[in-house]
Amino acid sequence: MIRHEGAIWMVREPVDMRRGLEGLSEVVRQSLGKNPCTDGAFLFRNRAGNRIKILLWDGTGVWLVQRRLHQGRFVWPLAGDEVFTLGRDEWEWLFRGVDWRRLNARPSALWEA
């Protein structure tokens, strides 16, 4: 599991998974207006939603990590800004391929017996 303590940014639009470190760094700079060499992780997905790439600065260098699901798809934001941020728990669930949007329990007043 990848441990990361900084901001986690999800790029909403799919990217070409053939892009490497330099190409994805350029997406971060041009599209998001951010520096990829900051205390942050940037998440990218392919059009099918079964692969993600993670660009991660660890303080001394940049990591490029790829993950592929053999079944299912990674859950991604559908609308809103070009970039979306995740919290620590959401990051853990996304990386495992779990729907991180469903982690909030319904209030007990809405439960049915």
PDB file of N, CA and C in Angstrom:
ATOM      1  N   MET A   1       0.841  -1.178   0.000  1.00  0.00           N
ATOM      2  CA  MET A   1       0.000   0.000   0.000  1.00  0.00           C
ATOM      3  C   MET A   1       0.883   1.237   0.000  1.00  0.00           C
ATOM      4  N   ILE A   2       0.504   2.222  -0.744  1.00  0.00           N
ATOM      5  CA  ILE A   2       1.252   3.471  -0.808  1.00  0.00           C
ATOM      6  C   ILE A   2       0.793   4.387   0.315  1.00  0.00           C
ATOM      7  N   ARG A   3       1.718   4.825   1.150  1.00  0.00           N
ATOM      8  CA  ARG A   3       1.416   5.775   2.221  1.00  0.00           C
ATOM      9  C   ARG A   3       1.736   7.177   1.718  1.00  0.00           C
ATOM     10  N   HIS A   4       0.822   8.099   1.977  1.00  0.00           N
ATOM     11  CA  HIS A   4       1.034   9.466   1.537  1.00  0.00           C
ATOM     12  C   HIS A   4       0.303  10.399   2.486  1.00  0.00           C
ATOM     13  N   GLU A   5       0.984  11.439   2.936  1.00  0.00           N
ATOM     14  CA  GLU A   5       0.413  12.344   3.927  1.00  0.00           C
ATOM     15  C   GLU A   5      -0.028  13.688   3.343  1.00  0.00           C
ATOM     16  N   GLY A   6       0.335  14.000   2.114  1.00  0.00           N
ATOM     17  CA  GLY A   6       0.000  15.289   1.514  1.00  0.00           C
ATOM     18  C   GLY A   6      -1.367  15.280   0.846  1.00  0.00           C
ATOM     19  N   ALA A   7      -1.624  16.320   0.064  1.00  0.00           N
ATOM     20  CA  ALA A   7      -2.886  16.439  -0.669  1.00  0.00           C
ATOM     21  C   ALA A   7      -2.966  15.364  -1.751  1.00  0.00           C
ATOM     22  N   ILE A   8      -4.181  14.902  -2.037  1.00  0.00           N
ATOM     23  CA  ILE A   8      -4.414  13.881  -3.060  1.00  0.00           C
ATOM     24  C   ILE A   8      -5.396  14.468  -4.065  1.00  0.00           C
ATOM     25  N   TRP A   9      -4.930  14.668  -5.287  1.00  0.00           N
ATOM     26  CA  TRP A   9      -5.720  15.303  -6.336  1.00  0.00           C
ATOM     27  C   TRP A   9      -6.096  14.272  -7.395  1.00  0.00           C
ATOM     28  N   MET A  10      -7.376  14.219  -7.739  1.00  0.00           N
ATOM     29  CA  MET A  10      -7.842  13.323  -8.804  1.00  0.00           C
ATOM     30  C   MET A  10      -8.101  14.165 -10.044  1.00  0.00           C
ATOM     31  N   VAL A  11      -7.490  13.808 -11.155  1.00  0.00           N
ATOM     32  CA  VAL A  11      -7.760  14.474 -12.424  1.00  0.00           C
ATOM     33  C   VAL A  11      -9.007  13.804 -13.001  1.00  0.00           C
ATOM     34  N   ARG A  12     -10.061  14.583 -13.181  1.00  0.00           N
ATOM     35  CA  ARG A  12     -11.367  14.030 -13.540  1.00  0.00           C
ATOM     36  C   ARG A  12     -11.409  13.428 -14.932  1.00  0.00           C
ATOM     37  N   GLU A  13     -10.804  14.086 -15.911  1.00  0.00           N
ATOM     38  CA  GLU A  13     -10.839  13.604 -17.294  1.00  0.00           C
ATOM     39  C   GLU A  13      -9.862  12.458 -17.507  1.00  0.00           C
ATOM     40  N   PRO A  14     -10.241  11.434 -18.278  1.00  0.00           N
ATOM     41  CA  PRO A  14      -9.323  10.322 -18.557  1.00  0.00           C
ATOM     42  C   PRO A  14      -8.075  10.800 -19.309  1.00  0.00           C
ATOM     43  N   VAL A  15      -6.967  10.098 -19.108  1.00  0.00           N
ATOM     44  CA  VAL A  15      -5.724  10.407 -19.812  1.00  0.00           C
ATOM     45  C   VAL A  15      -5.244   9.163 -20.546  1.00  0.00           C
ATOM     46  N   ASP A  16      -4.381   9.387 -21.508  1.00  0.00           N
ATOM     47  CA  ASP A  16      -3.753   8.307 -22.264  1.00  0.00           C
ATOM     48  C   ASP A  16      -2.757   7.612 -21.340  1.00  0.00           C
ATOM     49  N   MET A  17      -2.968   6.346 -21.058  1.00  0.00           N
ATOM     50  CA  MET A  17      -2.121   5.608 -20.126  1.00  0.00           C
ATOM     51  C   MET A  17      -0.719   5.349 -20.683  1.00  0.00           C
ATOM     52  N   ARG A  18      -0.484   5.698 -21.939  1.00  0.00           N
ATOM     53  CA  ARG A  18       0.875   5.582 -22.480  1.00  0.00           C
ATOM     54  C   ARG A  18       1.754   6.723 -21.986  1.00  0.00           C
ATOM     55  N   ARG A  19       1.141   7.756 -21.426  1.00  0.00           N
ATOM     56  CA  ARG A  19       1.933   8.875 -20.888  1.00  0.00           C
ATOM     57  C   ARG A  19       2.766   8.393 -19.715  1.00  0.00           C
ATOM     58  N   GLY A  20       3.971   8.901 -19.672  1.00  0.00           N
ATOM     59  CA  GLY A  20       4.873   8.555 -18.586  1.00  0.00           C
ATOM     60  C   GLY A  20       5.000   9.694 -17.601  1.00  0.00           C
ATOM     61  N   LEU A  21       6.082   9.676 -16.875  1.00  0.00           N
ATOM     62  CA  LEU A  21       6.348  10.658 -15.838  1.00  0.00           C
ATOM     63  C   LEU A  21       6.313  12.089 -16.364  1.00  0.00           C
ATOM     64  N   GLU A  22       7.026  12.345 -17.453  1.00  0.00           N
ATOM     65  CA  GLU A  22       7.078  13.702 -18.012  1.00  0.00           C
ATOM     66  C   GLU A  22       5.722  14.143 -18.562  1.00  0.00           C
ATOM     67  N   GLY A  23       5.040  13.258 -19.291  1.00  0.00           N
ATOM     68  CA  GLY A  23       3.738  13.605 -19.869  1.00  0.00           C
ATOM     69  C   GLY A  23       2.685  13.909 -18.825  1.00  0.00           C
ATOM     70  N   LEU A  24       2.634  13.107 -17.766  1.00  0.00           N
ATOM     71  CA  LEU A  24       1.664  13.349 -16.705  1.00  0.00           C
ATOM     72  C   LEU A  24       2.041  14.571 -15.871  1.00  0.00           C
ATOM     73  N   SER A  25       3.332  14.811 -15.708  1.00  0.00           N
ATOM     74  CA  SER A  25       3.773  16.034 -15.016  1.00  0.00           C
ATOM     75  C   SER A  25       3.319  17.264 -15.787  1.00  0.00           C
ATOM     76  N   GLU A  26       3.370  17.170 -17.104  1.00  0.00           N
ATOM     77  CA  GLU A  26       2.917  18.287 -17.943  1.00  0.00           C
ATOM     78  C   GLU A  26       1.408  18.497 -17.804  1.00  0.00           C
ATOM     79  N   VAL A  27       0.631  17.417 -17.694  1.00  0.00           N
ATOM     80  CA  VAL A  27      -0.818  17.543 -17.459  1.00  0.00           C
ATOM     81  C   VAL A  27      -1.059  18.280 -16.142  1.00  0.00           C
ATOM     82  N   VAL A  28      -0.303  17.929 -15.126  1.00  0.00           N
ATOM     83  CA  VAL A  28      -0.444  18.586 -13.822  1.00  0.00           C
ATOM     84  C   VAL A  28      -0.146  20.076 -13.948  1.00  0.00           C
ATOM     85  N   ARG A  29       0.931  20.421 -14.639  1.00  0.00           N
ATOM     86  CA  ARG A  29       1.316  21.833 -14.788  1.00  0.00           C
ATOM     87  C   ARG A  29       0.327  22.606 -15.653  1.00  0.00           C
ATOM     88  N   GLN A  30       0.000  22.082 -16.833  1.00  0.00           N
ATOM     89  CA  GLN A  30      -0.821  22.812 -17.813  1.00  0.00           C
ATOM     90  C   GLN A  30      -2.307  22.820 -17.433  1.00  0.00           C
ATOM     91  N   SER A  31      -2.854  21.667 -17.159  1.00  0.00           N
ATOM     92  CA  SER A  31      -4.301  21.566 -16.923  1.00  0.00           C
ATOM     93  C   SER A  31      -4.712  21.987 -15.522  1.00  0.00           C
ATOM     94  N   LEU A  32      -3.872  21.669 -14.547  1.00  0.00           N
ATOM     95  CA  LEU A  32      -4.254  21.924 -13.168  1.00  0.00           C
ATOM     96  C   LEU A  32      -3.573  23.142 -12.566  1.00  0.00           C
ATOM     97  N   GLY A  33      -2.519  23.635 -13.239  1.00  0.00           N
ATOM     98  CA  GLY A  33      -1.793  24.782 -12.726  1.00  0.00           C
ATOM     99  C   GLY A  33      -1.050  24.485 -11.432  1.00  0.00           C
ATOM    100  N   LYS A  34      -0.655  23.237 -11.243  1.00  0.00           N
ATOM    101  CA  LYS A  34       0.044  22.841 -10.021  1.00  0.00           C
ATOM    102  C   LYS A  34       1.430  22.324 -10.371  1.00  0.00           C
ATOM    103  N   ASN A  35       2.304  22.321  -9.379  1.00  0.00           N
ATOM    104  CA  ASN A  35       3.653  21.810  -9.545  1.00  0.00           C
ATOM    105  C   ASN A  35       3.664  20.346  -9.096  1.00  0.00           C
ATOM    106  N   PRO A  36       4.032  19.401  -9.976  1.00  0.00           N
ATOM    107  CA  PRO A  36       4.029  17.996  -9.572  1.00  0.00           C
ATOM    108  C   PRO A  36       5.070  17.669  -8.503  1.00  0.00           C
ATOM    109  N   CYS A  37       6.015  18.569  -8.276  1.00  0.00           N
ATOM    110  CA  CYS A  37       7.061  18.350  -7.266  1.00  0.00           C
ATOM    111  C   CYS A  37       6.721  19.064  -5.968  1.00  0.00           C
ATOM    112  N   THR A  38       5.471  18.988  -5.583  1.00  0.00           N
ATOM    113  CA  THR A  38       5.031  19.521  -4.303  1.00  0.00           C
ATOM    114  C   THR A  38       4.574  18.348  -3.450  1.00  0.00           C
ATOM    115  N   ASP A  39       4.194  18.608  -2.248  1.00  0.00           N
ATOM    116  CA  ASP A  39       3.744  17.545  -1.353  1.00  0.00           C
ATOM    117  C   ASP A  39       2.335  17.129  -1.746  1.00  0.00           C
ATOM    118  N   GLY A  40       2.229  16.418  -2.838  1.00  0.00           N
ATOM    119  CA  GLY A  40       0.926  15.996  -3.316  1.00  0.00           C
ATOM    120  C   GLY A  40       1.010  14.749  -4.157  1.00  0.00           C
ATOM    121  N   ALA A  41      -0.126  14.113  -4.303  1.00  0.00           N
ATOM    122  CA  ALA A  41      -0.259  12.960  -5.193  1.00  0.00           C
ATOM    123  C   ALA A  41      -1.314  13.322  -6.225  1.00  0.00           C
ATOM    124  N   PHE A  42      -1.081  12.942  -7.462  1.00  0.00           N
ATOM    125  CA  PHE A  42      -2.005  13.220  -8.549  1.00  0.00           C
ATOM    126  C   PHE A  42      -2.446  11.907  -9.147  1.00  0.00           C
ATOM    127  N   LEU A  43      -3.767  11.699  -9.226  1.00  0.00           N
ATOM    128  CA  LEU A  43      -4.323  10.446  -9.715  1.00  0.00           C
ATOM    129  C   LEU A  43      -4.927  10.650 -11.094  1.00  0.00           C
ATOM    130  N   PHE A  44      -4.638   9.733 -11.994  1.00  0.00           N
ATOM    131  CA  PHE A  44      -5.146   9.760 -13.361  1.00  0.00           C
ATOM    132  C   PHE A  44      -5.795   8.409 -13.646  1.00  0.00           C
ATOM    133  N   ARG A  45      -6.808   8.405 -14.513  1.00  0.00           N
ATOM    134  CA  ARG A  45      -7.435   7.126 -14.886  1.00  0.00           C
ATOM    135  C   ARG A  45      -7.538   7.027 -16.392  1.00  0.00           C
ATOM    136  N   ASN A  46      -7.702   5.811 -16.869  1.00  0.00           N
ATOM    137  CA  ASN A  46      -7.937   5.613 -18.295  1.00  0.00           C
ATOM    138  C   ASN A  46      -9.438   5.720 -18.581  1.00  0.00           C
ATOM    139  N   ARG A  47      -9.792   5.719 -19.849  1.00  0.00           N
ATOM    140  CA  ARG A  47     -11.189   5.880 -20.245  1.00  0.00           C
ATOM    141  C   ARG A  47     -12.065   4.737 -19.719  1.00  0.00           C
ATOM    142  N   ALA A  48     -11.551   3.516 -19.736  1.00  0.00           N
ATOM    143  CA  ALA A  48     -12.322   2.359 -19.273  1.00  0.00           C
ATOM    144  C   ALA A  48     -12.508   2.352 -17.756  1.00  0.00           C
ATOM    145  N   GLY A  49     -11.649   3.074 -17.032  1.00  0.00           N
ATOM    146  CA  GLY A  49     -11.764   3.161 -15.588  1.00  0.00           C
ATOM    147  C   GLY A  49     -11.172   1.987 -14.828  1.00  0.00           C
ATOM    148  N   ASN A  50     -10.472   1.090 -15.511  1.00  0.00           N
ATOM    149  CA  ASN A  50      -9.897  -0.061 -14.820  1.00  0.00           C
ATOM    150  C   ASN A  50      -8.408   0.103 -14.498  1.00  0.00           C
ATOM    151  N   ARG A  51      -7.815   1.240 -14.887  1.00  0.00           N
ATOM    152  CA  ARG A  51      -6.416   1.531 -14.596  1.00  0.00           C
ATOM    153  C   ARG A  51      -6.280   2.937 -14.041  1.00  0.00           C
ATOM    154  N   ILE A  52      -5.379   3.081 -13.087  1.00  0.00           N
ATOM    155  CA  ILE A  52      -5.023   4.409 -12.601  1.00  0.00           C
ATOM    156  C   ILE A  52      -3.503   4.525 -12.585  1.00  0.00           C
ATOM    157  N   LYS A  53      -3.042   5.750 -12.725  1.00  0.00           N
ATOM    158  CA  LYS A  53      -1.641   6.067 -12.532  1.00  0.00           C
ATOM    159  C   LYS A  53      -1.591   7.124 -11.446  1.00  0.00           C
ATOM    160  N   ILE A  54      -0.565   7.012 -10.610  1.00  0.00           N
ATOM    161  CA  ILE A  54      -0.388   7.923  -9.490  1.00  0.00           C
ATOM    162  C   ILE A  54       0.982   8.567  -9.620  1.00  0.00           C
ATOM    163  N   LEU A  55       0.984   9.877  -9.668  1.00  0.00           N
ATOM    164  CA  LEU A  55       2.218  10.661  -9.696  1.00  0.00           C
ATOM    165  C   LEU A  55       2.397  11.195  -8.281  1.00  0.00           C
ATOM    166  N   LEU A  56       3.497  10.839  -7.633  1.00  0.00           N
ATOM    167  CA  LEU A  56       3.661  11.112  -6.216  1.00  0.00           C
ATOM    168  C   LEU A  56       5.047  11.659  -5.915  1.00  0.00           C
ATOM    169  N   TRP A  57       5.085  12.821  -5.292  1.00  0.00           N
ATOM    170  CA  TRP A  57       6.344  13.426  -4.857  1.00  0.00           C
ATOM    171  C   TRP A  57       6.605  12.971  -3.425  1.00  0.00           C
ATOM    172  N   ASP A  58       7.791  12.413  -3.148  1.00  0.00           N
ATOM    173  CA  ASP A  58       8.099  11.933  -1.797  1.00  0.00           C
ATOM    174  C   ASP A  58       9.110  12.803  -1.058  1.00  0.00           C
ATOM    175  N   GLY A  59       9.433  13.957  -1.618  1.00  0.00           N
ATOM    176  CA  GLY A  59      10.380  14.857  -0.977  1.00  0.00           C
ATOM    177  C   GLY A  59      11.757  14.830  -1.606  1.00  0.00           C
ATOM    178  N   THR A  60      12.096  13.729  -2.261  1.00  0.00           N
ATOM    179  CA  THR A  60      13.397  13.629  -2.926  1.00  0.00           C
ATOM    180  C   THR A  60      13.282  13.281  -4.400  1.00  0.00           C
ATOM    181  N   GLY A  61      12.121  12.818  -4.806  1.00  0.00           N
ATOM    182  CA  GLY A  61      11.905  12.435  -6.200  1.00  0.00           C
ATOM    183  C   GLY A  61      10.440  12.156  -6.465  1.00  0.00           C
ATOM    184  N   VAL A  62      10.147  11.840  -7.707  1.00  0.00           N
ATOM    185  CA  VAL A  62       8.766  11.586  -8.119  1.00  0.00           C
ATOM    186  C   VAL A  62       8.600  10.103  -8.429  1.00  0.00           C
ATOM    187  N   TRP A  63       7.525   9.528  -7.923  1.00  0.00           N
ATOM    188  CA  TRP A  63       7.151   8.154  -8.203  1.00  0.00           C
ATOM    189  C   TRP A  63       6.031   8.157  -9.238  1.00  0.00           C
ATOM    190  N   LEU A  64       6.035   7.177 -10.111  1.00  0.00           N
ATOM    191  CA  LEU A  64       4.921   6.936 -11.025  1.00  0.00           C
ATOM    192  C   LEU A  64       4.498   5.490 -10.818  1.00  0.00           C
ATOM    193  N   VAL A  65       3.294   5.324 -10.303  1.00  0.00           N
ATOM    194  CA  VAL A  65       2.783   4.009  -9.955  1.00  0.00           C
ATOM    195  C   VAL A  65       1.537   3.753 -10.778  1.00  0.00           C
ATOM    196  N   GLN A  66       1.378   2.524 -11.239  1.00  0.00           N
ATOM    197  CA  GLN A  66       0.181   2.157 -11.999  1.00  0.00           C
ATOM    198  C   GLN A  66      -0.504   0.992 -11.308  1.00  0.00           C
ATOM    199  N   ARG A  67      -1.834   1.025 -11.312  1.00  0.00           N
ATOM    200  CA  ARG A  67      -2.622  -0.080 -10.748  1.00  0.00           C
ATOM    201  C   ARG A  67      -3.715  -0.423 -11.738  1.00  0.00           C
ATOM    202  N   ARG A  68      -3.938  -1.735 -11.915  1.00  0.00           N
ATOM    203  CA  ARG A  68      -4.986  -2.207 -12.819  1.00  0.00           C
ATOM    204  C   ARG A  68      -5.879  -3.175 -12.066  1.00  0.00           C
ATOM    205  N   LEU A  69      -7.189  -2.985 -12.217  1.00  0.00           N
ATOM    206  CA  LEU A  69      -8.156  -3.929 -11.651  1.00  0.00           C
ATOM    207  C   LEU A  69      -8.461  -4.987 -12.700  1.00  0.00           C
ATOM    208  N   HIS A  70      -8.495  -6.227 -12.300  1.00  0.00           N
ATOM    209  CA  HIS A  70      -8.846  -7.304 -13.230  1.00  0.00           C
ATOM    210  C   HIS A  70     -10.355  -7.407 -13.402  1.00  0.00           C
ATOM    211  N   GLN A  71     -11.096  -6.934 -12.406  1.00  0.00           N
ATOM    212  CA  GLN A  71     -12.553  -6.883 -12.494  1.00  0.00           C
ATOM    213  C   GLN A  71     -13.010  -5.559 -11.909  1.00  0.00           C
ATOM    214  N   GLY A  72     -14.059  -5.002 -12.475  1.00  0.00           N
ATOM    215  CA  GLY A  72     -14.620  -3.762 -11.958  1.00  0.00           C
ATOM    216  C   GLY A  72     -13.889  -2.532 -12.464  1.00  0.00           C
ATOM    217  N   ARG A  73     -14.268  -1.399 -11.892  1.00  0.00           N
ATOM    218  CA  ARG A  73     -13.704  -0.106 -12.281  1.00  0.00           C
ATOM    219  C   ARG A  73     -13.419   0.713 -11.042  1.00  0.00           C
ATOM    220  N   PHE A  74     -12.455   1.613 -11.168  1.00  0.00           N
ATOM    221  CA  PHE A  74     -12.203   2.577 -10.104  1.00  0.00           C
ATOM    222  C   PHE A  74     -13.321   3.606 -10.119  1.00  0.00           C
ATOM    223  N   VAL A  75     -13.790   3.988  -8.941  1.00  0.00           N
ATOM    224  CA  VAL A  75     -14.853   4.984  -8.826  1.00  0.00           C
ATOM    225  C   VAL A  75     -14.211   6.357  -8.937  1.00  0.00           C
ATOM    226  N   TRP A  76     -14.772   7.179  -9.818  1.00  0.00           N
ATOM    227  CA  TRP A  76     -14.206   8.498 -10.118  1.00  0.00           C
ATOM    228  C   TRP A  76     -15.294   9.544 -10.036  1.00  0.00           C
ATOM    229  N   PRO A  77     -14.955  10.786  -9.714  1.00  0.00           N
ATOM    230  CA  PRO A  77     -15.967  11.854  -9.706  1.00  0.00           C
ATOM    231  C   PRO A  77     -16.582  12.011 -11.098  1.00  0.00           C
ATOM    232  N   LEU A  78     -17.872  12.274 -11.153  1.00  0.00           N
ATOM    233  CA  LEU A  78     -18.568  12.382 -12.434  1.00  0.00           C
ATOM    234  C   LEU A  78     -18.721  13.808 -12.917  1.00  0.00           C
ATOM    235  N   ALA A  79     -18.831  14.745 -12.021  1.00  0.00           N
ATOM    236  CA  ALA A  79     -19.079  16.131 -12.429  1.00  0.00           C
ATOM    237  C   ALA A  79     -18.306  17.077 -11.525  1.00  0.00           C
ATOM    238  N   GLY A  80     -18.268  18.333 -11.931  1.00  0.00           N
ATOM    239  CA  GLY A  80     -17.611  19.332 -11.108  1.00  0.00           C
ATOM    240  C   GLY A  80     -16.332  19.840 -11.736  1.00  0.00           C
ATOM    241  N   ASP A  81     -15.391  20.174 -10.895  1.00  0.00           N
ATOM    242  CA  ASP A  81     -14.130  20.743 -11.354  1.00  0.00           C
ATOM    243  C   ASP A  81     -13.285  19.723 -12.105  1.00  0.00           C
ATOM    244  N   GLU A  82     -12.251  20.229 -12.785  1.00  0.00           N
ATOM    245  CA  GLU A  82     -11.315  19.356 -13.481  1.00  0.00           C
ATOM    246  C   GLU A  82     -10.545  18.482 -12.509  1.00  0.00           C
ATOM    247  N   VAL A  83     -10.367  18.976 -11.308  1.00  0.00           N
ATOM    248  CA  VAL A  83      -9.603  18.243 -10.308  1.00  0.00           C
ATOM    249  C   VAL A  83     -10.454  18.082  -9.056  1.00  0.00           C
ATOM    250  N   PHE A  84     -10.265  16.989  -8.364  1.00  0.00           N
ATOM    251  CA  PHE A  84     -11.065  16.635  -7.206  1.00  0.00           C
ATOM    252  C   PHE A  84     -10.099  16.138  -6.138  1.00  0.00           C
ATOM    253  N   THR A  85     -10.302  16.490  -4.882  1.00  0.00           N
ATOM    254  CA  THR A  85      -9.400  16.037  -3.827  1.00  0.00           C
ATOM    255  C   THR A  85     -10.029  14.910  -3.017  1.00  0.00           C
ATOM    256  N   LEU A  86      -9.177  14.046  -2.500  1.00  0.00           N
ATOM    257  CA  LEU A  86      -9.610  12.926  -1.675  1.00  0.00           C
ATOM    258  C   LEU A  86      -9.054  13.069  -0.269  1.00  0.00           C
ATOM    259  N   GLY A  87      -9.784  12.532   0.692  1.00  0.00           N
ATOM    260  CA  GLY A  87      -9.293  12.439   2.053  1.00  0.00           C
ATOM    261  C   GLY A  87      -8.497  11.151   2.232  1.00  0.00           C
ATOM    262  N   ARG A  88      -7.884  11.000   3.375  1.00  0.00           N
ATOM    263  CA  ARG A  88      -7.034   9.833   3.643  1.00  0.00           C
ATOM    264  C   ARG A  88      -7.791   8.515   3.527  1.00  0.00           C
ATOM    265  N   ASP A  89      -8.977   8.405   4.146  1.00  0.00           N
ATOM    266  CA  ASP A  89      -9.743   7.158   4.085  1.00  0.00           C
ATOM    267  C   ASP A  89     -10.205   6.869   2.665  1.00  0.00           C
ATOM    268  N   GLU A  90     -10.649   7.895   1.967  1.00  0.00           N
ATOM    269  CA  GLU A  90     -11.095   7.714   0.577  1.00  0.00           C
ATOM    270  C   GLU A  90      -9.954   7.204  -0.298  1.00  0.00           C
ATOM    271  N   TRP A  91      -8.747   7.740  -0.073  1.00  0.00           N
ATOM    272  CA  TRP A  91      -7.551   7.299  -0.800  1.00  0.00           C
ATOM    273  C   TRP A  91      -7.324   5.799  -0.598  1.00  0.00           C
ATOM    274  N   GLU A  92      -7.414   5.336   0.647  1.00  0.00           N
ATOM    275  CA  GLU A  92      -7.192   3.922   0.955  1.00  0.00           C
ATOM    276  C   GLU A  92      -8.208   3.044   0.227  1.00  0.00           C
ATOM    277  N   TRP A  93      -9.464   3.467   0.240  1.00  0.00           N
ATOM    278  CA  TRP A  93     -10.510   2.660  -0.402  1.00  0.00           C
ATOM    279  C   TRP A  93     -10.396   2.704  -1.923  1.00  0.00           C
ATOM    280  N   LEU A  94     -10.129   3.860  -2.500  1.00  0.00           N
ATOM    281  CA  LEU A  94      -9.971   3.968  -3.949  1.00  0.00           C
ATOM    282  C   LEU A  94      -8.867   3.043  -4.432  1.00  0.00           C
ATOM    283  N   PHE A  95      -7.748   3.058  -3.747  1.00  0.00           N
ATOM    284  CA  PHE A  95      -6.600   2.254  -4.155  1.00  0.00           C
ATOM    285  C   PHE A  95      -6.923   0.766  -4.140  1.00  0.00           C
ATOM    286  N   ARG A  96      -7.844   0.367  -3.272  1.00  0.00           N
ATOM    287  CA  ARG A  96      -8.256  -1.035  -3.195  1.00  0.00           C
ATOM    288  C   ARG A  96      -9.368  -1.372  -4.190  1.00  0.00           C
ATOM    289  N   GLY A  97      -9.866  -0.352  -4.899  1.00  0.00           N
ATOM    290  CA  GLY A  97     -10.923  -0.594  -5.878  1.00  0.00           C
ATOM    291  C   GLY A  97     -12.324  -0.572  -5.297  1.00  0.00           C
ATOM    292  N   VAL A  98     -12.479  -0.014  -4.095  1.00  0.00           N
ATOM    293  CA  VAL A  98     -13.774   0.050  -3.416  1.00  0.00           C
ATOM    294  C   VAL A  98     -14.414   1.405  -3.695  1.00  0.00           C
ATOM    295  N   ASP A  99     -15.744   1.446  -3.755  1.00  0.00           N
ATOM    296  CA  ASP A  99     -16.469   2.692  -3.989  1.00  0.00           C
ATOM    297  C   ASP A  99     -16.355   3.593  -2.765  1.00  0.00           C
ATOM    298  N   TRP A 100     -15.413   4.520  -2.803  1.00  0.00           N
ATOM    299  CA  TRP A 100     -15.139   5.416  -1.678  1.00  0.00           C
ATOM    300  C   TRP A 100     -16.268   6.402  -1.421  1.00  0.00           C
ATOM    301  N   ARG A 101     -17.187   6.594  -2.393  1.00  0.00           N
ATOM    302  CA  ARG A 101     -18.308   7.524  -2.186  1.00  0.00           C
ATOM    303  C   ARG A 101     -19.352   6.939  -1.251  1.00  0.00           C
ATOM    304  N   ARG A 102     -19.312   5.630  -1.024  1.00  0.00           N
ATOM    305  CA  ARG A 102     -20.331   4.970  -0.219  1.00  0.00           C
ATOM    306  C   ARG A 102     -19.862   4.690   1.205  1.00  0.00           C
ATOM    307  N   LEU A 103     -18.831   5.361   1.647  1.00  0.00           N
ATOM    308  CA  LEU A 103     -18.276   5.085   2.970  1.00  0.00           C
ATOM    309  C   LEU A 103     -19.050   5.745   4.095  1.00  0.00           C
ATOM    310  N   ASN A 104     -19.919   6.685   3.788  1.00  0.00           N
ATOM    311  CA  ASN A 104     -20.693   7.357   4.827  1.00  0.00           C
ATOM    312  C   ASN A 104     -21.948   6.549   5.134  1.00  0.00           C
ATOM    313  N   ALA A 105     -22.142   6.242   6.386  1.00  0.00           N
ATOM    314  CA  ALA A 105     -23.334   5.510   6.795  1.00  0.00           C
ATOM    315  C   ALA A 105     -24.538   6.433   6.830  1.00  0.00           C
ATOM    316  N   ARG A 106     -25.713   5.887   6.559  1.00  0.00           N
ATOM    317  CA  ARG A 106     -26.921   6.684   6.678  1.00  0.00           C
ATOM    318  C   ARG A 106     -27.200   6.955   8.147  1.00  0.00           C
ATOM    319  N   PRO A 107     -27.698   8.162   8.474  1.00  0.00           N
ATOM    320  CA  PRO A 107     -28.063   8.436   9.868  1.00  0.00           C
ATOM    321  C   PRO A 107     -29.096   7.438  10.357  1.00  0.00           C
ATOM    322  N   SER A 108     -29.027   7.072  11.636  1.00  0.00           N
ATOM    323  CA  SER A 108     -29.925   6.043  12.183  1.00  0.00           C
ATOM    324  C   SER A 108     -31.392   6.436  12.056  1.00  0.00           C
ATOM    325  N   ALA A 109     -31.710   7.722  11.997  1.00  0.00           N
ATOM    326  CA  ALA A 109     -33.102   8.162  11.854  1.00  0.00           C
ATOM    327  C   ALA A 109     -33.685   7.718  10.514  1.00  0.00           C
ATOM    328  N   LEU A 110     -32.835   7.412   9.530  1.00  0.00           N
ATOM    329  CA  LEU A 110     -33.316   6.983   8.218  1.00  0.00           C
ATOM    330  C   LEU A 110     -33.354   5.477   8.068  1.00  0.00           C
ATOM    331  N   TRP A 111     -32.900   4.756   9.068  1.00  0.00           N
ATOM    332  CA  TRP A 111     -32.899   3.293   8.990  1.00  0.00           C
ATOM    333  C   TRP A 111     -34.330   2.774   9.042  1.00  0.00           C
ATOM    334  N   GLU A 112     -34.550   1.697   8.325  1.00  0.00           N
ATOM    335  CA  GLU A 112     -35.857   1.047   8.339  1.00  0.00           C
ATOM    336  C   GLU A 112     -35.721  -0.298   9.044  1.00  0.00           C
ATOM    337  N   ALA A 113     -36.737  -0.643   9.810  1.00  0.00           N
ATOM    338  CA  ALA A 113     -36.706  -1.917  10.552  1.00  0.00           C
ATOM    339  C   ALA A 113     -37.181  -3.054   9.677  1.00  0.00           C
TER     340      ALA A 113
END
